[in-house]
Amino acid sequence: MSVFDGGLSSREIERRTQTDVGYMYLAGMQHPSYRTILRFKREYSDLIDEAFKTTMKIATDEYLVKIHPVSLDGTKIKAKTSMNKLTN
């Protein structure tokens, strides 16, 4: 689950199985503890990654989603301003 929703913590996933319909459905209306979720994520991370890749491949092949490249730039540029210019 952490792959597609921004990397939620195990405690947050536990909370969402009680409040979010999508999570309730995926959890089969069960409410596993955060410890169970964490253990599952640790023990089966390779299978979770593989399932995600397979799902994305099928969705792409069936034209259900489009994949676009994303680039991130970590360049830091020091701003040339002062507090005086901000207040004007």
Protein backbone atom coordinates (compact mmCIF):
# COMPACT_ATOMS: atom_id res chain seq x y z
CA MET A 1 0.00 0.00 0.00
CA SER A 2 2.81 2.35 0.70
CA VAL A 3 3.82 2.42 -2.92
CA PHE A 4 0.70 4.03 -4.28
CA ASP A 5 -0.33 6.34 -1.47
CA GLY A 6 2.81 8.17 -0.50
CA GLY A 7 4.31 5.77 1.98
CA LEU A 8 1.87 5.72 4.85
CA SER A 9 3.02 4.43 8.20
CA SER A 10 1.68 1.14 9.53
CA ARG A 11 -0.26 3.02 12.21
CA GLU A 12 -1.91 5.22 9.57
CA ILE A 13 -2.85 2.17 7.50
CA GLU A 14 -4.37 0.62 10.62
CA ARG A 15 -6.45 3.79 11.20
CA ARG A 16 -7.58 3.90 7.59
CA THR A 17 -8.85 0.31 7.68
CA GLN A 18 -11.43 1.68 10.12
CA THR A 19 -12.31 4.94 8.34
CA ASP A 20 -11.51 4.71 4.59
CA VAL A 21 -13.78 2.60 2.38
CA GLY A 22 -10.95 1.71 -0.01
CA TYR A 23 -8.76 0.43 2.80
CA MET A 24 -11.71 -1.42 4.35
CA TYR A 25 -12.28 -3.20 1.03
CA LEU A 26 -8.60 -4.10 0.58
CA ALA A 27 -8.42 -5.37 4.17
CA GLY A 28 -11.54 -7.52 3.69
CA MET A 29 -13.34 -5.54 6.41
CA GLN A 30 -10.71 -6.67 8.92
CA HIS A 31 -8.73 -4.29 11.09
CA PRO A 32 -5.20 -5.66 11.49
CA SER A 33 -2.96 -4.06 14.10
CA TYR A 34 -0.10 -1.86 13.00
CA ARG A 35 2.32 -4.57 14.18
CA THR A 36 0.75 -7.11 11.82
CA ILE A 37 0.89 -4.61 8.95
CA LEU A 38 4.53 -3.77 9.69
CA ARG A 39 5.50 -7.44 9.88
CA PHE A 40 3.70 -8.12 6.59
CA LYS A 41 5.45 -5.18 4.87
CA ARG A 42 8.86 -6.38 6.10
CA GLU A 43 8.42 -10.06 5.29
CA TYR A 44 6.77 -9.64 1.88
CA SER A 45 8.23 -6.39 0.52
CA ASP A 46 9.61 -8.16 -2.56
CA LEU A 47 6.19 -9.71 -3.34
CA ILE A 48 4.44 -6.36 -2.77
CA ASP A 49 6.83 -4.68 -5.23
CA GLU A 50 6.32 -7.45 -7.79
CA ALA A 51 2.52 -7.26 -7.46
CA PHE A 52 2.63 -3.50 -7.96
CA LYS A 53 4.83 -3.82 -11.06
CA THR A 54 2.56 -6.50 -12.52
CA THR A 55 -0.56 -4.41 -11.83
CA MET A 56 1.01 -1.35 -13.47
CA LYS A 57 2.09 -3.39 -16.51
CA ILE A 58 -1.42 -4.79 -17.00
CA ALA A 59 -2.99 -1.34 -16.52
CA THR A 60 -0.55 0.18 -19.03
CA ASP A 61 -1.08 -2.61 -21.58
CA GLU A 62 -4.87 -2.15 -21.32
CA TYR A 63 -4.50 1.66 -21.67
CA LEU A 64 -6.02 2.24 -18.23
CA VAL A 65 -3.12 4.47 -17.17
CA LYS A 66 -0.38 6.44 -18.87
CA ILE A 67 3.14 6.48 -17.46
CA HIS A 68 5.15 9.68 -17.87
CA PRO A 69 8.74 10.23 -16.79
CA VAL A 70 9.27 12.51 -13.80
CA SER A 71 12.52 14.29 -13.02
CA LEU A 72 13.51 15.78 -9.70
CA ASP A 73 16.20 18.40 -9.28
CA GLY A 74 17.73 18.93 -5.86
CA THR A 75 19.54 22.14 -6.78
CA LYS A 76 19.49 24.74 -4.02
CA ILE A 77 19.83 28.39 -4.95
CA LYS A 78 20.36 31.08 -2.37
CA ALA A 79 17.79 33.85 -2.71
CA LYS A 80 18.98 37.40 -3.18
CA THR A 81 16.55 39.32 -1.03
CA SER A 82 16.32 40.96 2.34
CA MET A 83 13.63 41.44 4.97
CA ASN A 84 13.26 45.07 3.80
CA LYS A 85 12.25 43.97 0.31
CA LEU A 86 9.73 41.47 1.67
CA THR A 87 7.76 44.07 3.62
CA ASN A 88 7.32 46.51 0.72
